[in-house]
């Protein structure tokens, strides 16, 4: 072998020739399977959230109703609170 030669054939520019046979991969192909462990963890996580959040639902509804009522009242009242509609100067 000459200096700098890696054993592959080269063209006249010194670059290696393209491979004649290409392997797609050296690892075995992946055969998918159902991931029941992660499914079980996801279901348990969802049920835990349901158990925690369902008792909070009445409070969330009350807060939502209060915000709707105060928003409706704010829309009915006039925005100009000072007589004359001017600034406070």
C-alpha atoms as a PDB file:
ATOM      1  CA  UNK A   1       0.000   0.000   0.000  1.00  0.00           C
ATOM      2  CA  UNK A   2       1.204   3.492  -0.686  1.00  0.00           C
ATOM      3  CA  UNK A   3       1.245   6.391   1.737  1.00  0.00           C
ATOM      4  CA  UNK A   4      -2.318   7.610   2.578  1.00  0.00           C
ATOM      5  CA  UNK A   5      -3.984   4.712   0.773  1.00  0.00           C
ATOM      6  CA  UNK A   6      -6.792   3.096   2.726  1.00  0.00           C
ATOM      7  CA  UNK A   7      -6.954   0.058   0.513  1.00  0.00           C
ATOM      8  CA  UNK A   8      -9.850   1.284  -1.654  1.00  0.00           C
ATOM      9  CA  UNK A   9      -9.589   2.055  -5.321  1.00  0.00           C
ATOM     10  CA  UNK A  10      -9.119   5.701  -6.262  1.00  0.00           C
ATOM     11  CA  UNK A  11      -9.773   7.644  -9.416  1.00  0.00           C
ATOM     12  CA  UNK A  12      -7.184   9.931 -10.998  1.00  0.00           C
ATOM     13  CA  UNK A  13      -8.184  12.831  -8.640  1.00  0.00           C
ATOM     14  CA  UNK A  14      -7.137  10.917  -5.524  1.00  0.00           C
ATOM     15  CA  UNK A  15     -10.679  10.537  -4.228  1.00  0.00           C
ATOM     16  CA  UNK A  16     -12.004   7.066  -3.433  1.00  0.00           C
ATOM     17  CA  UNK A  17     -14.298   5.466  -5.982  1.00  0.00           C
ATOM     18  CA  UNK A  18     -17.997   5.158  -5.104  1.00  0.00           C
ATOM     19  CA  UNK A  19     -18.971   1.960  -3.337  1.00  0.00           C
ATOM     20  CA  UNK A  20     -20.192  -0.804  -5.600  1.00  0.00           C
ATOM     21  CA  UNK A  21     -22.363  -2.491  -2.981  1.00  0.00           C
ATOM     22  CA  UNK A  22     -24.130  -0.505  -0.285  1.00  0.00           C
ATOM     23  CA  UNK A  23     -25.598  -1.966   2.870  1.00  0.00           C
ATOM     24  CA  UNK A  24     -28.674  -0.188   4.177  1.00  0.00           C
ATOM     25  CA  UNK A  25     -27.884  -0.837   7.810  1.00  0.00           C
ATOM     26  CA  UNK A  26     -25.824  -3.010  10.059  1.00  0.00           C
ATOM     27  CA  UNK A  27     -28.529  -3.328  12.710  1.00  0.00           C
ATOM     28  CA  UNK A  28     -31.447  -5.712  12.427  1.00  0.00           C
ATOM     29  CA  UNK A  29     -34.753  -4.264  11.290  1.00  0.00           C
ATOM     30  CA  UNK A  30     -37.244  -3.005  13.838  1.00  0.00           C
ATOM     31  CA  UNK A  31     -40.380  -5.030  14.229  1.00  0.00           C
ATOM     32  CA  UNK A  32     -43.020  -2.920  15.953  1.00  0.00           C
ATOM     33  CA  UNK A  33     -44.989  -4.252  18.858  1.00  0.00           C
ATOM     34  CA  UNK A  34     -47.692  -2.861  21.095  1.00  0.00           C
ATOM     35  CA  UNK A  35     -46.272  -0.894  23.987  1.00  0.00           C
ATOM     36  CA  UNK A  36     -48.655  -2.026  26.701  1.00  0.00           C
ATOM     37  CA  UNK A  37     -46.467  -0.789  29.567  1.00  0.00           C
ATOM     38  CA  UNK A  38     -46.549   2.802  28.389  1.00  0.00           C
ATOM     39  CA  UNK A  39     -50.252   2.520  27.621  1.00  0.00           C
ATOM     40  CA  UNK A  40     -50.875   1.415  31.194  1.00  0.00           C
ATOM     41  CA  UNK A  41     -48.807   4.329  32.551  1.00  0.00           C
ATOM     42  CA  UNK A  42     -50.736   6.771  30.354  1.00  0.00           C
ATOM     43  CA  UNK A  43     -54.084   5.425  31.526  1.00  0.00           C
ATOM     44  CA  UNK A  44     -52.986   5.628  35.177  1.00  0.00           C
ATOM     45  CA  UNK A  45     -51.785   9.209  34.661  1.00  0.00           C
ATOM     46  CA  UNK A  46     -55.100  10.179  33.052  1.00  0.00           C
ATOM     47  CA  UNK A  47     -57.121   8.604  35.851  1.00  0.00           C
ATOM     48  CA  UNK A  48     -54.989  10.395  38.437  1.00  0.00           C
ATOM     49  CA  UNK A  49     -55.672  13.722  36.740  1.00  0.00           C
ATOM     50  CA  UNK A  50     -59.383  12.973  36.614  1.00  0.00           C
ATOM     51  CA  UNK A  51     -59.432  12.130  40.329  1.00  0.00           C
ATOM     52  CA  UNK A  52     -57.651  15.425  41.115  1.00  0.00           C
ATOM     53  CA  UNK A  53     -59.502  17.724  38.739  1.00  0.00           C
ATOM     54  CA  UNK A  54     -63.115  16.540  38.984  1.00  0.00           C
ATOM     55  CA  UNK A  55     -63.488  17.809  42.573  1.00  0.00           C
ATOM     56  CA  UNK A  56     -62.214  21.214  41.381  1.00  0.00           C
ATOM     57  CA  UNK A  57     -64.808  21.431  38.609  1.00  0.00           C
ATOM     58  CA  UNK A  58     -67.541  23.152  40.706  1.00  0.00           C
ATOM     59  CA  UNK A  59     -65.050  25.840  41.771  1.00  0.00           C
ATOM     60  CA  UNK A  60     -63.996  26.394  38.177  1.00  0.00           C
ATOM     61  CA  UNK A  61     -67.641  26.768  37.122  1.00  0.00           C
ATOM     62  CA  UNK A  62     -68.255  29.328  39.897  1.00  0.00           C
ATOM     63  CA  UNK A  63     -65.188  31.355  38.871  1.00  0.00           C
ATOM     64  CA  UNK A  64     -66.287  31.227  35.227  1.00  0.00           C
ATOM     65  CA  UNK A  65     -69.803  32.394  36.111  1.00  0.00           C
ATOM     66  CA  UNK A  66     -68.475  35.259  38.244  1.00  0.00           C
ATOM     67  CA  UNK A  67     -66.210  36.390  35.411  1.00  0.00           C
ATOM     68  CA  UNK A  68     -69.118  36.308  32.946  1.00  0.00           C
ATOM     69  CA  UNK A  69     -71.375  38.279  35.291  1.00  0.00           C
ATOM     70  CA  UNK A  70     -68.740  40.918  36.060  1.00  0.00           C
ATOM     71  CA  UNK A  71     -67.924  41.207  32.363  1.00  0.00           C
ATOM     72  CA  UNK A  72     -71.588  41.806  31.513  1.00  0.00           C
ATOM     73  CA  UNK A  73     -71.887  44.426  34.260  1.00  0.00           C
ATOM     74  CA  UNK A  74     -68.708  46.158  33.089  1.00  0.00           C
ATOM     75  CA  UNK A  75     -70.071  46.390  29.546  1.00  0.00           C
ATOM     76  CA  UNK A  76     -73.300  48.039  30.736  1.00  0.00           C
ATOM     77  CA  UNK A  77     -71.685  50.718  32.871  1.00  0.00           C
ATOM     78  CA  UNK A  78     -70.340  53.856  31.209  1.00  0.00           C
ATOM     79  CA  UNK A  79     -66.594  54.034  30.818  1.00  0.00           C
ATOM     80  CA  UNK A  80     -66.377  57.788  31.450  1.00  0.00           C
ATOM     81  CA  UNK A  81     -66.548  58.094  35.207  1.00  0.00           C
ATOM     82  CA  UNK A  82     -65.764  61.818  35.506  1.00  0.00           C
ATOM     83  CA  UNK A  83     -68.385  64.420  34.649  1.00  0.00           C
ATOM     84  CA  UNK A  84     -67.690  66.132  31.382  1.00  0.00           C
ATOM     85  CA  UNK A  85     -65.836  63.162  29.932  1.00  0.00           C
ATOM     86  CA  UNK A  86     -62.467  64.878  30.191  1.00  0.00           C
ATOM     87  CA  UNK A  87     -59.288  64.105  32.028  1.00  0.00           C
ATOM     88  CA  UNK A  88     -58.776  64.873  35.719  1.00  0.00           C
ATOM     89  CA  UNK A  89     -56.630  68.024  35.117  1.00  0.00           C
END
